[in-house]
Amino acid sequence: MTKKDYVALAIALKAARINHEVKPGSSSELSRLRGTEQAALEIADTLASENPRFNRARFLAACGVPS
């Protein structure tokens, strides 16, 4: 994968965290945020295992996931 691919993944994951149709603070919003956060963490782990130069912290920050 290229940096361009990593950026596209991060943008998609961040959008999934931001774009929602539920009321802020509702339990379904919290569940969705945890789900996208977990997905970002799993993807970061996989990308890091495939590319020793992959910057996991930078990727998670771009996804909007606190590290």
PDB file of N, CA and C in Angstrom:
ATOM      1  N   MET A   1       0.844  -1.179   0.000  1.00  0.00           N
ATOM      2  CA  MET A   1       0.000   0.000   0.000  1.00  0.00           C
ATOM      3  C   MET A   1       0.889   1.242   0.000  1.00  0.00           C
ATOM      4  N   THR A   2       0.323   2.299  -0.479  1.00  0.00           N
ATOM      5  CA  THR A   2       1.060   3.557  -0.539  1.00  0.00           C
ATOM      6  C   THR A   2       0.529   4.532   0.504  1.00  0.00           C
ATOM      7  N   LYS A   3       1.246   5.622   0.683  1.00  0.00           N
ATOM      8  CA  LYS A   3       0.798   6.670   1.603  1.00  0.00           C
ATOM      9  C   LYS A   3      -0.592   7.162   1.200  1.00  0.00           C
ATOM     10  N   LYS A   4      -0.832   7.246  -0.085  1.00  0.00           N
ATOM     11  CA  LYS A   4      -2.135   7.679  -0.595  1.00  0.00           C
ATOM     12  C   LYS A   4      -3.248   6.744  -0.094  1.00  0.00           C
ATOM     13  N   ASP A   5      -2.965   5.457  -0.066  1.00  0.00           N
ATOM     14  CA  ASP A   5      -3.941   4.478   0.432  1.00  0.00           C
ATOM     15  C   ASP A   5      -4.187   4.664   1.927  1.00  0.00           C
ATOM     16  N   TYR A   6      -3.109   4.898   2.674  1.00  0.00           N
ATOM     17  CA  TYR A   6      -3.245   5.118   4.117  1.00  0.00           C
ATOM     18  C   TYR A   6      -4.086   6.355   4.393  1.00  0.00           C
ATOM     19  N   VAL A   7      -3.858   7.407   3.624  1.00  0.00           N
ATOM     20  CA  VAL A   7      -4.616   8.644   3.796  1.00  0.00           C
ATOM     21  C   VAL A   7      -6.094   8.393   3.495  1.00  0.00           C
ATOM     22  N   ALA A   8      -6.373   7.664   2.439  1.00  0.00           N
ATOM     23  CA  ALA A   8      -7.764   7.368   2.085  1.00  0.00           C
ATOM     24  C   ALA A   8      -8.461   6.571   3.191  1.00  0.00           C
ATOM     25  N   LEU A   9      -7.773   5.598   3.756  1.00  0.00           N
ATOM     26  CA  LEU A   9      -8.343   4.826   4.866  1.00  0.00           C
ATOM     27  C   LEU A   9      -8.622   5.718   6.071  1.00  0.00           C
ATOM     28  N   ALA A  10      -7.668   6.557   6.410  1.00  0.00           N
ATOM     29  CA  ALA A  10      -7.831   7.448   7.570  1.00  0.00           C
ATOM     30  C   ALA A  10      -9.005   8.391   7.362  1.00  0.00           C
ATOM     31  N   ILE A  11      -9.131   8.939   6.165  1.00  0.00           N
ATOM     32  CA  ILE A  11     -10.244   9.850   5.873  1.00  0.00           C
ATOM     33  C   ILE A  11     -11.580   9.122   6.021  1.00  0.00           C
ATOM     34  N   ALA A  12     -11.650   7.913   5.506  1.00  0.00           N
ATOM     35  CA  ALA A  12     -12.893   7.144   5.595  1.00  0.00           C
ATOM     36  C   ALA A  12     -13.252   6.818   7.039  1.00  0.00           C
ATOM     37  N   LEU A  13     -12.258   6.425   7.822  1.00  0.00           N
ATOM     38  CA  LEU A  13     -12.529   6.100   9.230  1.00  0.00           C
ATOM     39  C   LEU A  13     -12.919   7.343  10.026  1.00  0.00           C
ATOM     40  N   LYS A  14     -12.283   8.453   9.748  1.00  0.00           N
ATOM     41  CA  LYS A  14     -12.637   9.693  10.445  1.00  0.00           C
ATOM     42  C   LYS A  14     -14.054  10.123  10.067  1.00  0.00           C
ATOM     43  N   ALA A  15     -14.404  10.003   8.809  1.00  0.00           N
ATOM     44  CA  ALA A  15     -15.753  10.350   8.360  1.00  0.00           C
ATOM     45  C   ALA A  15     -16.796   9.458   9.035  1.00  0.00           C
ATOM     46  N   ALA A  16     -16.471   8.194   9.218  1.00  0.00           N
ATOM     47  CA  ALA A  16     -17.393   7.270   9.887  1.00  0.00           C
ATOM     48  C   ALA A  16     -17.620   7.691  11.334  1.00  0.00           C
ATOM     49  N   ARG A  17     -16.595   8.260  11.948  1.00  0.00           N
ATOM     50  CA  ARG A  17     -16.738   8.734  13.334  1.00  0.00           C
ATOM     51  C   ARG A  17     -17.549  10.020  13.399  1.00  0.00           C
ATOM     52  N   ILE A  18     -17.420  10.870  12.385  1.00  0.00           N
ATOM     53  CA  ILE A  18     -18.053  12.185  12.397  1.00  0.00           C
ATOM     54  C   ILE A  18     -19.494  12.141  11.898  1.00  0.00           C
ATOM     55  N   ASN A  19     -19.713  11.441  10.802  1.00  0.00           N
ATOM     56  CA  ASN A  19     -21.039  11.409  10.175  1.00  0.00           C
ATOM     57  C   ASN A  19     -21.936  10.415  10.889  1.00  0.00           C
ATOM     58  N   HIS A  20     -22.937  10.921  11.535  1.00  0.00           N
ATOM     59  CA  HIS A  20     -23.865  10.033  12.234  1.00  0.00           C
ATOM     60  C   HIS A  20     -25.262  10.616  12.160  1.00  0.00           C
ATOM     61  N   GLU A  21     -26.223   9.757  12.326  1.00  0.00           N
ATOM     62  CA  GLU A  21     -27.618  10.167  12.265  1.00  0.00           C
ATOM     63  C   GLU A  21     -28.311   9.970  13.610  1.00  0.00           C
ATOM     64  N   VAL A  22     -27.562   9.865  14.674  1.00  0.00           N
ATOM     65  CA  VAL A  22     -28.146   9.684  15.999  1.00  0.00           C
ATOM     66  C   VAL A  22     -27.857  10.907  16.841  1.00  0.00           C
ATOM     67  N   LYS A  23     -28.599  11.065  17.890  1.00  0.00           N
ATOM     68  CA  LYS A  23     -28.418  12.220  18.777  1.00  0.00           C
ATOM     69  C   LYS A  23     -27.086  12.125  19.499  1.00  0.00           C
ATOM     70  N   PRO A  24     -26.362  13.250  19.587  1.00  0.00           N
ATOM     71  CA  PRO A  24     -25.102  13.232  20.340  1.00  0.00           C
ATOM     72  C   PRO A  24     -25.335  12.753  21.769  1.00  0.00           C
ATOM     73  N   GLY A  25     -24.466  11.910  22.231  1.00  0.00           N
ATOM     74  CA  GLY A  25     -24.549  11.404  23.592  1.00  0.00           C
ATOM     75  C   GLY A  25     -25.400  10.168  23.760  1.00  0.00           C
ATOM     76  N   SER A  26     -26.087   9.747  22.711  1.00  0.00           N
ATOM     77  CA  SER A  26     -26.926   8.558  22.836  1.00  0.00           C
ATOM     78  C   SER A  26     -26.054   7.307  22.888  1.00  0.00           C
ATOM     79  N   SER A  27     -26.628   6.240  23.395  1.00  0.00           N
ATOM     80  CA  SER A  27     -25.853   5.010  23.518  1.00  0.00           C
ATOM     81  C   SER A  27     -25.480   4.442  22.156  1.00  0.00           C
ATOM     82  N   SER A  28     -26.334   4.627  21.139  1.00  0.00           N
ATOM     83  CA  SER A  28     -25.990   4.104  19.812  1.00  0.00           C
ATOM     84  C   SER A  28     -24.841   4.885  19.203  1.00  0.00           C
ATOM     85  N   GLU A  29     -24.741   6.180  19.511  1.00  0.00           N
ATOM     86  CA  GLU A  29     -23.601   6.954  19.021  1.00  0.00           C
ATOM     87  C   GLU A  29     -22.319   6.457  19.673  1.00  0.00           C
ATOM     88  N   LEU A  30     -22.365   6.236  20.973  1.00  0.00           N
ATOM     89  CA  LEU A  30     -21.190   5.750  21.692  1.00  0.00           C
ATOM     90  C   LEU A  30     -20.750   4.400  21.141  1.00  0.00           C
ATOM     91  N   SER A  31     -21.696   3.536  20.866  1.00  0.00           N
ATOM     92  CA  SER A  31     -21.396   2.225  20.302  1.00  0.00           C
ATOM     93  C   SER A  31     -20.730   2.356  18.941  1.00  0.00           C
ATOM     94  N   ARG A  32     -21.252   3.230  18.099  1.00  0.00           N
ATOM     95  CA  ARG A  32     -20.702   3.438  16.769  1.00  0.00           C
ATOM     96  C   ARG A  32     -19.290   3.997  16.853  1.00  0.00           C
ATOM     97  N   LEU A  33     -19.076   4.957  17.751  1.00  0.00           N
ATOM     98  CA  LEU A  33     -17.742   5.527  17.911  1.00  0.00           C
ATOM     99  C   LEU A  33     -16.750   4.475  18.375  1.00  0.00           C
ATOM    100  N   ARG A  34     -17.157   3.643  19.295  1.00  0.00           N
ATOM    101  CA  ARG A  34     -16.273   2.568  19.763  1.00  0.00           C
ATOM    102  C   ARG A  34     -15.980   1.585  18.646  1.00  0.00           C
ATOM    103  N   GLY A  35     -16.963   1.319  17.810  1.00  0.00           N
ATOM    104  CA  GLY A  35     -16.772   0.396  16.697  1.00  0.00           C
ATOM    105  C   GLY A  35     -15.787   0.932  15.676  1.00  0.00           C
ATOM    106  N   THR A  36     -15.921   2.206  15.320  1.00  0.00           N
ATOM    107  CA  THR A  36     -14.994   2.779  14.341  1.00  0.00           C
ATOM    108  C   THR A  36     -13.606   2.938  14.952  1.00  0.00           C
ATOM    109  N   GLU A  37     -13.566   3.230  16.242  1.00  0.00           N
ATOM    110  CA  GLU A  37     -12.274   3.321  16.925  1.00  0.00           C
ATOM    111  C   GLU A  37     -11.566   1.966  16.914  1.00  0.00           C
ATOM    112  N   GLN A  38     -12.302   0.926  17.210  1.00  0.00           N
ATOM    113  CA  GLN A  38     -11.735  -0.424  17.211  1.00  0.00           C
ATOM    114  C   GLN A  38     -11.279  -0.809  15.812  1.00  0.00           C
ATOM    115  N   ALA A  39     -12.077  -0.468  14.804  1.00  0.00           N
ATOM    116  CA  ALA A  39     -11.688  -0.767  13.422  1.00  0.00           C
ATOM    117  C   ALA A  39     -10.389  -0.052  13.064  1.00  0.00           C
ATOM    118  N   ALA A  40     -10.260   1.200  13.450  1.00  0.00           N
ATOM    119  CA  ALA A  40      -9.044   1.966  13.168  1.00  0.00           C
ATOM    120  C   ALA A  40      -7.836   1.331  13.853  1.00  0.00           C
ATOM    121  N   LEU A  41      -8.013   0.899  15.087  1.00  0.00           N
ATOM    122  CA  LEU A  41      -6.916   0.253  15.814  1.00  0.00           C
ATOM    123  C   LEU A  41      -6.492  -1.055  15.150  1.00  0.00           C
ATOM    124  N   GLU A  42      -7.465  -1.858  14.728  1.00  0.00           N
ATOM    125  CA  GLU A  42      -7.168  -3.133  14.074  1.00  0.00           C
ATOM    126  C   GLU A  42      -6.466  -2.909  12.735  1.00  0.00           C
ATOM    127  N   ILE A  43      -6.953  -1.938  11.974  1.00  0.00           N
ATOM    128  CA  ILE A  43      -6.333  -1.626  10.681  1.00  0.00           C
ATOM    129  C   ILE A  43      -4.911  -1.131  10.900  1.00  0.00           C
ATOM    130  N   ALA A  44      -4.717  -0.274  11.892  1.00  0.00           N
ATOM    131  CA  ALA A  44      -3.378   0.240  12.195  1.00  0.00           C
ATOM    132  C   ALA A  44      -2.426  -0.892  12.553  1.00  0.00           C
ATOM    133  N   ASP A  45      -2.896  -1.850  13.340  1.00  0.00           N
ATOM    134  CA  ASP A  45      -2.058  -2.998  13.702  1.00  0.00           C
ATOM    135  C   ASP A  45      -1.641  -3.789  12.460  1.00  0.00           C
ATOM    136  N   THR A  46      -2.600  -4.025  11.577  1.00  0.00           N
ATOM    137  CA  THR A  46      -2.312  -4.782  10.354  1.00  0.00           C
ATOM    138  C   THR A  46      -1.325  -4.033   9.464  1.00  0.00           C
ATOM    139  N   LEU A  47      -1.556  -2.746   9.269  1.00  0.00           N
ATOM    140  CA  LEU A  47      -0.667  -1.962   8.416  1.00  0.00           C
ATOM    141  C   LEU A  47       0.740  -1.894   9.002  1.00  0.00           C
ATOM    142  N   ALA A  48       0.832  -1.779  10.313  1.00  0.00           N
ATOM    143  CA  ALA A  48       2.143  -1.731  10.967  1.00  0.00           C
ATOM    144  C   ALA A  48       2.885  -3.061  10.813  1.00  0.00           C
ATOM    145  N   SER A  49       2.154  -4.152  10.828  1.00  0.00           N
ATOM    146  CA  SER A  49       2.809  -5.454  10.680  1.00  0.00           C
ATOM    147  C   SER A  49       3.293  -5.686   9.245  1.00  0.00           C
ATOM    148  N   GLU A  50       2.670  -5.028   8.293  1.00  0.00           N
ATOM    149  CA  GLU A  50       3.047  -5.181   6.895  1.00  0.00           C
ATOM    150  C   GLU A  50       4.107  -4.184   6.438  1.00  0.00           C
ATOM    151  N   ASN A  51       4.225  -3.070   7.158  1.00  0.00           N
ATOM    152  CA  ASN A  51       5.151  -2.026   6.737  1.00  0.00           C
ATOM    153  C   ASN A  51       5.895  -1.491   7.957  1.00  0.00           C
ATOM    154  N   PRO A  52       7.180  -1.792   8.096  1.00  0.00           N
ATOM    155  CA  PRO A  52       7.939  -1.342   9.265  1.00  0.00           C
ATOM    156  C   PRO A  52       8.060   0.178   9.366  1.00  0.00           C
ATOM    157  N   ARG A  53       7.842   0.881   8.272  1.00  0.00           N
ATOM    158  CA  ARG A  53       7.929   2.349   8.289  1.00  0.00           C
ATOM    159  C   ARG A  53       6.583   3.011   8.574  1.00  0.00           C
ATOM    160  N   PHE A  54       5.537   2.209   8.729  1.00  0.00           N
ATOM    161  CA  PHE A  54       4.205   2.746   8.987  1.00  0.00           C
ATOM    162  C   PHE A  54       4.174   3.442  10.345  1.00  0.00           C
ATOM    163  N   ASN A  55       3.641   4.657  10.372  1.00  0.00           N
ATOM    164  CA  ASN A  55       3.562   5.441  11.601  1.00  0.00           C
ATOM    165  C   ASN A  55       2.161   5.279  12.187  1.00  0.00           C
ATOM    166  N   ARG A  56       2.036   4.363  13.123  1.00  0.00           N
ATOM    167  CA  ARG A  56       0.739   4.021  13.719  1.00  0.00           C
ATOM    168  C   ARG A  56       0.088   5.217  14.409  1.00  0.00           C
ATOM    169  N   ALA A  57       0.853   5.947  15.198  1.00  0.00           N
ATOM    170  CA  ALA A  57       0.301   7.095  15.930  1.00  0.00           C
ATOM    171  C   ALA A  57      -0.215   8.170  14.981  1.00  0.00           C
ATOM    172  N   ARG A  58       0.523   8.406  13.927  1.00  0.00           N
ATOM    173  CA  ARG A  58       0.105   9.411  12.946  1.00  0.00           C
ATOM    174  C   ARG A  58      -1.183   8.975  12.249  1.00  0.00           C
ATOM    175  N   PHE A  59      -1.275   7.697  11.902  1.00  0.00           N
ATOM    176  CA  PHE A  59      -2.472   7.169  11.258  1.00  0.00           C
ATOM    177  C   PHE A  59      -3.686   7.310  12.180  1.00  0.00           C
ATOM    178  N   LEU A  60      -3.532   6.917  13.439  1.00  0.00           N
ATOM    179  CA  LEU A  60      -4.656   6.999  14.370  1.00  0.00           C
ATOM    180  C   LEU A  60      -5.080   8.443  14.597  1.00  0.00           C
ATOM    181  N   ALA A  61      -4.125   9.358  14.658  1.00  0.00           N
ATOM    182  CA  ALA A  61      -4.467  10.774  14.800  1.00  0.00           C
ATOM    183  C   ALA A  61      -5.261  11.246  13.578  1.00  0.00           C
ATOM    184  N   ALA A  62      -4.857  10.819  12.396  1.00  0.00           N
ATOM    185  CA  ALA A  62      -5.572  11.198  11.176  1.00  0.00           C
ATOM    186  C   ALA A  62      -6.984  10.610  11.142  1.00  0.00           C
ATOM    187  N   CYS A  63      -7.183   9.486  11.815  1.00  0.00           N
ATOM    188  CA  CYS A  63      -8.507   8.856  11.913  1.00  0.00           C
ATOM    189  C   CYS A  63      -9.373   9.530  12.972  1.00  0.00           C
ATOM    190  N   GLY A  64      -8.768  10.385  13.781  1.00  0.00           N
ATOM    191  CA  GLY A  64      -9.513  11.013  14.867  1.00  0.00           C
ATOM    192  C   GLY A  64      -9.623  10.139  16.097  1.00  0.00           C
ATOM    193  N   VAL A  65      -8.754   9.156  16.196  1.00  0.00           N
ATOM    194  CA  VAL A  65      -8.771   8.216  17.324  1.00  0.00           C
ATOM    195  C   VAL A  65      -7.707   8.632  18.338  1.00  0.00           C
ATOM    196  N   PRO A  66      -8.114   8.874  19.569  1.00  0.00           N
ATOM    197  CA  PRO A  66      -7.116   9.212  20.579  1.00  0.00           C
ATOM    198  C   PRO A  66      -6.206   8.019  20.862  1.00  0.00           C
ATOM    199  N   SER A  67      -4.923   8.304  20.997  1.00  0.00           N
ATOM    200  CA  SER A  67      -3.994   7.200  21.258  1.00  0.00           C
ATOM    201  C   SER A  67      -3.440   7.239  22.651  1.00  0.00           C
TER     202      SER A  67
END
